[in-house]
Amino acid sequence: MFGVDEGSEIRCRIRSKGIVINDIASDFGGGGHPNASGVSVADWDRFNELADALNNKL
């Protein structure tokens, strides 16, 4: 996962090999394919919450 600060939001790109991640993206208001999804979050705290959710899935 990586994030790009767009000024008003953080755009997150999530990629995976084998682990389905679009369910977590959906939980955070994003979406996409099972192994390639995206999310926009308001700030870096929310970005870290997303990272924690993904790490918990591992």
PDB file of N, CA and C in Angstrom:
ATOM      1  N   MET A   1       0.837  -1.164   0.000  1.00  0.00           N
ATOM      2  CA  MET A   1       0.000   0.000   0.000  1.00  0.00           C
ATOM      3  C   MET A   1       0.886   1.232   0.000  1.00  0.00           C
ATOM      4  N   PHE A   2       0.454   2.237  -0.724  1.00  0.00           N
ATOM      5  CA  PHE A   2       1.123   3.525  -0.629  1.00  0.00           C
ATOM      6  C   PHE A   2       0.080   4.626  -0.756  1.00  0.00           C
ATOM      7  N   GLY A   3       0.428   5.788  -0.219  1.00  0.00           N
ATOM      8  CA  GLY A   3      -0.489   6.912  -0.241  1.00  0.00           C
ATOM      9  C   GLY A   3       0.149   8.127  -0.878  1.00  0.00           C
ATOM     10  N   VAL A   4      -0.673   8.912  -1.550  1.00  0.00           N
ATOM     11  CA  VAL A   4      -0.230  10.146  -2.184  1.00  0.00           C
ATOM     12  C   VAL A   4      -1.059  11.289  -1.597  1.00  0.00           C
ATOM     13  N   ASP A   5      -0.377  12.266  -1.021  1.00  0.00           N
ATOM     14  CA  ASP A   5      -1.058  13.416  -0.437  1.00  0.00           C
ATOM     15  C   ASP A   5      -1.487  14.358  -1.556  1.00  0.00           C
ATOM     16  N   GLU A   6      -2.789  14.450  -1.767  1.00  0.00           N
ATOM     17  CA  GLU A   6      -3.348  15.290  -2.826  1.00  0.00           C
ATOM     18  C   GLU A   6      -3.772  16.660  -2.302  1.00  0.00           C
ATOM     19  N   GLY A   7      -3.412  16.974  -1.072  1.00  0.00           N
ATOM     20  CA  GLY A   7      -3.787  18.256  -0.484  1.00  0.00           C
ATOM     21  C   GLY A   7      -5.030  18.161   0.373  1.00  0.00           C
ATOM     22  N   SER A   8      -6.151  17.815  -0.236  1.00  0.00           N
ATOM     23  CA  SER A   8      -7.406  17.711   0.506  1.00  0.00           C
ATOM     24  C   SER A   8      -7.715  16.288   0.952  1.00  0.00           C
ATOM     25  N   GLU A   9      -6.946  15.325   0.459  1.00  0.00           N
ATOM     26  CA  GLU A   9      -7.148  13.919   0.818  1.00  0.00           C
ATOM     27  C   GLU A   9      -5.879  13.131   0.535  1.00  0.00           C
ATOM     28  N   ILE A  10      -5.825  11.930   1.100  1.00  0.00           N
ATOM     29  CA  ILE A  10      -4.734  10.998   0.830  1.00  0.00           C
ATOM     30  C   ILE A  10      -5.309   9.910  -0.072  1.00  0.00           C
ATOM     31  N   ARG A  11      -4.733   9.750  -1.251  1.00  0.00           N
ATOM     32  CA  ARG A  11      -5.183   8.696  -2.174  1.00  0.00           C
ATOM     33  C   ARG A  11      -4.313   7.472  -1.961  1.00  0.00           C
ATOM     34  N   CYS A  12      -4.942   6.366  -1.620  1.00  0.00           N
ATOM     35  CA  CYS A  12      -4.236   5.129  -1.282  1.00  0.00           C
ATOM     36  C   CYS A  12      -4.408   4.114  -2.399  1.00  0.00           C
ATOM     37  N   ARG A  13      -3.311   3.509  -2.770  1.00  0.00           N
ATOM     38  CA  ARG A  13      -3.336   2.400  -3.724  1.00  0.00           C
ATOM     39  C   ARG A  13      -2.937   1.144  -2.967  1.00  0.00           C
ATOM     40  N   ILE A  14      -3.738   0.103  -3.114  1.00  0.00           N
ATOM     41  CA  ILE A  14      -3.501  -1.143  -2.389  1.00  0.00           C
ATOM     42  C   ILE A  14      -3.342  -2.261  -3.411  1.00  0.00           C
ATOM     43  N   ARG A  15      -2.279  -3.023  -3.276  1.00  0.00           N
ATOM     44  CA  ARG A  15      -2.027  -4.164  -4.163  1.00  0.00           C
ATOM     45  C   ARG A  15      -1.728  -5.394  -3.313  1.00  0.00           C
ATOM     46  N   SER A  16      -2.050  -6.573  -3.854  1.00  0.00           N
ATOM     47  CA  SER A  16      -1.862  -7.816  -3.116  1.00  0.00           C
ATOM     48  C   SER A  16      -1.602  -8.959  -4.084  1.00  0.00           C
ATOM     49  N   LYS A  17      -0.904  -9.937  -3.597  1.00  0.00           N
ATOM     50  CA  LYS A  17      -0.753 -11.199  -4.326  1.00  0.00           C
ATOM     51  C   LYS A  17      -1.341 -12.294  -3.451  1.00  0.00           C
ATOM     52  N   GLY A  18      -2.547 -12.736  -3.794  1.00  0.00           N
ATOM     53  CA  GLY A  18      -3.138 -13.862  -3.092  1.00  0.00           C
ATOM     54  C   GLY A  18      -4.118 -13.513  -1.982  1.00  0.00           C
ATOM     55  N   ILE A  19      -3.967 -12.375  -1.331  1.00  0.00           N
ATOM     56  CA  ILE A  19      -4.875 -11.987  -0.255  1.00  0.00           C
ATOM     57  C   ILE A  19      -5.886 -10.990  -0.817  1.00  0.00           C
ATOM     58  N   VAL A  20      -7.155 -11.291  -0.649  1.00  0.00           N
ATOM     59  CA  VAL A  20      -8.215 -10.413  -1.145  1.00  0.00           C
ATOM     60  C   VAL A  20      -8.272  -9.169  -0.257  1.00  0.00           C
ATOM     61  N   ILE A  21      -8.155  -7.999  -0.867  1.00  0.00           N
ATOM     62  CA  ILE A  21      -8.093  -6.761  -0.096  1.00  0.00           C
ATOM     63  C   ILE A  21      -9.224  -5.783  -0.428  1.00  0.00           C
ATOM     64  N   ASN A  22     -10.044  -6.082  -1.434  1.00  0.00           N
ATOM     65  CA  ASN A  22     -11.082  -5.115  -1.795  1.00  0.00           C
ATOM     66  C   ASN A  22     -12.174  -5.006  -0.735  1.00  0.00           C
ATOM     67  N   ASP A  23     -12.315  -6.022   0.132  1.00  0.00           N
ATOM     68  CA  ASP A  23     -13.287  -5.917   1.217  1.00  0.00           C
ATOM     69  C   ASP A  23     -12.880  -4.845   2.222  1.00  0.00           C
ATOM     70  N   ILE A  24     -11.585  -4.754   2.514  1.00  0.00           N
ATOM     71  CA  ILE A  24     -11.103  -3.720   3.429  1.00  0.00           C
ATOM     72  C   ILE A  24     -11.202  -2.353   2.761  1.00  0.00           C
ATOM     73  N   ALA A  25     -10.859  -2.283   1.489  1.00  0.00           N
ATOM     74  CA  ALA A  25     -11.008  -1.017   0.765  1.00  0.00           C
ATOM     75  C   ALA A  25     -12.456  -0.540   0.840  1.00  0.00           C
ATOM     76  N   SER A  26     -13.386  -1.449   0.672  1.00  0.00           N
ATOM     77  CA  SER A  26     -14.808  -1.110   0.741  1.00  0.00           C
ATOM     78  C   SER A  26     -15.193  -0.599   2.127  1.00  0.00           C
ATOM     79  N   ASP A  27     -14.642  -1.218   3.171  1.00  0.00           N
ATOM     80  CA  ASP A  27     -14.915  -0.773   4.545  1.00  0.00           C
ATOM     81  C   ASP A  27     -14.490   0.676   4.769  1.00  0.00           C
ATOM     82  N   PHE A  28     -13.497   1.140   4.007  1.00  0.00           N
ATOM     83  CA  PHE A  28     -12.984   2.498   4.153  1.00  0.00           C
ATOM     84  C   PHE A  28     -13.522   3.441   3.071  1.00  0.00           C
ATOM     85  N   GLY A  29     -14.545   2.984   2.341  1.00  0.00           N
ATOM     86  CA  GLY A  29     -15.178   3.847   1.348  1.00  0.00           C
ATOM     87  C   GLY A  29     -14.588   3.763  -0.041  1.00  0.00           C
ATOM     88  N   GLY A  30     -13.713   2.803  -0.263  1.00  0.00           N
ATOM     89  CA  GLY A  30     -13.098   2.633  -1.574  1.00  0.00           C
ATOM     90  C   GLY A  30     -13.624   1.391  -2.259  1.00  0.00           C
ATOM     91  N   GLY A  31     -12.833   0.879  -3.174  1.00  0.00           N
ATOM     92  CA  GLY A  31     -13.238  -0.321  -3.881  1.00  0.00           C
ATOM     93  C   GLY A  31     -12.205  -0.730  -4.896  1.00  0.00           C
ATOM     94  N   GLY A  32     -12.585  -1.694  -5.707  1.00  0.00           N
ATOM     95  CA  GLY A  32     -11.683  -2.162  -6.742  1.00  0.00           C
ATOM     96  C   GLY A  32     -11.761  -3.655  -6.922  1.00  0.00           C
ATOM     97  N   HIS A  33     -10.692  -4.205  -7.406  1.00  0.00           N
ATOM     98  CA  HIS A  33     -10.593  -5.629  -7.685  1.00  0.00           C
ATOM     99  C   HIS A  33     -10.068  -6.365  -6.456  1.00  0.00           C
ATOM    100  N   PRO A  34     -10.216  -7.694  -6.416  1.00  0.00           N
ATOM    101  CA  PRO A  34      -9.764  -8.443  -5.240  1.00  0.00           C
ATOM    102  C   PRO A  34      -8.302  -8.193  -4.857  1.00  0.00           C
ATOM    103  N   ASN A  35      -7.430  -7.994  -5.839  1.00  0.00           N
ATOM    104  CA  ASN A  35      -6.009  -7.819  -5.533  1.00  0.00           C
ATOM    105  C   ASN A  35      -5.456  -6.449  -5.917  1.00  0.00           C
ATOM    106  N   ALA A  36      -6.316  -5.531  -6.316  1.00  0.00           N
ATOM    107  CA  ALA A  36      -5.893  -4.171  -6.659  1.00  0.00           C
ATOM    108  C   ALA A  36      -7.059  -3.226  -6.387  1.00  0.00           C
ATOM    109  N   SER A  37      -6.904  -2.415  -5.351  1.00  0.00           N
ATOM    110  CA  SER A  37      -7.991  -1.536  -4.934  1.00  0.00           C
ATOM    111  C   SER A  37      -7.463  -0.160  -4.586  1.00  0.00           C
ATOM    112  N   GLY A  38      -8.375   0.756  -4.352  1.00  0.00           N
ATOM    113  CA  GLY A  38      -7.995   2.107  -3.977  1.00  0.00           C
ATOM    114  C   GLY A  38      -8.977   2.712  -2.995  1.00  0.00           C
ATOM    115  N   VAL A  39      -8.471   3.660  -2.220  1.00  0.00           N
ATOM    116  CA  VAL A  39      -9.264   4.344  -1.199  1.00  0.00           C
ATOM    117  C   VAL A  39      -8.763   5.779  -1.101  1.00  0.00           C
ATOM    118  N   SER A  40      -9.654   6.714  -0.864  1.00  0.00           N
ATOM    119  CA  SER A  40      -9.269   8.078  -0.505  1.00  0.00           C
ATOM    120  C   SER A  40      -9.657   8.295   0.949  1.00  0.00           C
ATOM    121  N   VAL A  41      -8.698   8.774   1.743  1.00  0.00           N
ATOM    122  CA  VAL A  41      -8.955   9.038   3.157  1.00  0.00           C
ATOM    123  C   VAL A  41      -8.648  10.500   3.462  1.00  0.00           C
ATOM    124  N   ALA A  42      -9.190  10.984   4.567  1.00  0.00           N
ATOM    125  CA  ALA A  42      -9.098  12.407   4.896  1.00  0.00           C
ATOM    126  C   ALA A  42      -7.727  12.840   5.386  1.00  0.00           C
ATOM    127  N   ASP A  43      -7.018  11.943   6.096  1.00  0.00           N
ATOM    128  CA  ASP A  43      -5.752  12.358   6.707  1.00  0.00           C
ATOM    129  C   ASP A  43      -4.863  11.145   6.970  1.00  0.00           C
ATOM    130  N   TRP A  44      -3.652  11.409   7.460  1.00  0.00           N
ATOM    131  CA  TRP A  44      -2.688  10.331   7.688  1.00  0.00           C
ATOM    132  C   TRP A  44      -3.095   9.429   8.848  1.00  0.00           C
ATOM    133  N   ASP A  45      -3.883   9.929   9.792  1.00  0.00           N
ATOM    134  CA  ASP A  45      -4.378   9.060  10.866  1.00  0.00           C
ATOM    135  C   ASP A  45      -5.287   7.983  10.289  1.00  0.00           C
ATOM    136  N   ARG A  46      -6.167   8.383   9.384  1.00  0.00           N
ATOM    137  CA  ARG A  46      -7.063   7.407   8.739  1.00  0.00           C
ATOM    138  C   ARG A  46      -6.263   6.454   7.846  1.00  0.00           C
ATOM    139  N   PHE A  47      -5.226   6.961   7.209  1.00  0.00           N
ATOM    140  CA  PHE A  47      -4.323   6.126   6.412  1.00  0.00           C
ATOM    141  C   PHE A  47      -3.715   5.039   7.295  1.00  0.00           C
ATOM    142  N   ASN A  48      -3.279   5.422   8.496  1.00  0.00           N
ATOM    143  CA  ASN A  48      -2.693   4.454   9.424  1.00  0.00           C
ATOM    144  C   ASN A  48      -3.717   3.435   9.901  1.00  0.00           C
ATOM    145  N   GLU A  49      -4.969   3.850  10.077  1.00  0.00           N
ATOM    146  CA  GLU A  49      -6.033   2.905  10.425  1.00  0.00           C
ATOM    147  C   GLU A  49      -6.226   1.884   9.304  1.00  0.00           C
ATOM    148  N   LEU A  50      -6.169   2.338   8.069  1.00  0.00           N
ATOM    149  CA  LEU A  50      -6.265   1.439   6.918  1.00  0.00           C
ATOM    150  C   LEU A  50      -5.099   0.463   6.909  1.00  0.00           C
ATOM    151  N   ALA A  51      -3.897   0.960   7.151  1.00  0.00           N
ATOM    152  CA  ALA A  51      -2.715   0.094   7.201  1.00  0.00           C
ATOM    153  C   ALA A  51      -2.863  -0.956   8.293  1.00  0.00           C
ATOM    154  N   ASP A  52      -3.369  -0.563   9.455  1.00  0.00           N
ATOM    155  CA  ASP A  52      -3.580  -1.514  10.553  1.00  0.00           C
ATOM    156  C   ASP A  52      -4.589  -2.588  10.156  1.00  0.00           C
ATOM    157  N   ALA A  53      -5.671  -2.187   9.504  1.00  0.00           N
ATOM    158  CA  ALA A  53      -6.690  -3.146   9.069  1.00  0.00           C
ATOM    159  C   ALA A  53      -6.105  -4.152   8.083  1.00  0.00           C
ATOM    160  N   LEU A  54      -5.268  -3.674   7.173  1.00  0.00           N
ATOM    161  CA  LEU A  54      -4.633  -4.582   6.213  1.00  0.00           C
ATOM    162  C   LEU A  54      -3.654  -5.515   6.911  1.00  0.00           C
ATOM    163  N   ASN A  55      -2.865  -4.989   7.835  1.00  0.00           N
ATOM    164  CA  ASN A  55      -1.913  -5.829   8.574  1.00  0.00           C
ATOM    165  C   ASN A  55      -2.627  -6.889   9.396  1.00  0.00           C
ATOM    166  N   ASN A  56      -3.775  -6.551   9.961  1.00  0.00           N
ATOM    167  CA  ASN A  56      -4.536  -7.521  10.749  1.00  0.00           C
ATOM    168  C   ASN A  56      -5.065  -8.659   9.890  1.00  0.00           C
ATOM    169  N   LYS A  57      -5.228  -8.416   8.612  1.00  0.00           N
ATOM    170  CA  LYS A  57      -5.728  -9.458   7.710  1.00  0.00           C
ATOM    171  C   LYS A  57      -4.643 -10.472   7.338  1.00  0.00           C
ATOM    172  N   LEU A  58      -3.390 -10.081   7.494  1.00  0.00           N
ATOM    173  CA  LEU A  58      -2.290 -10.982   7.109  1.00  0.00           C
ATOM    174  C   LEU A  58      -2.218 -12.212   7.979  1.00  0.00           C
TER     175      LEU A  58
END
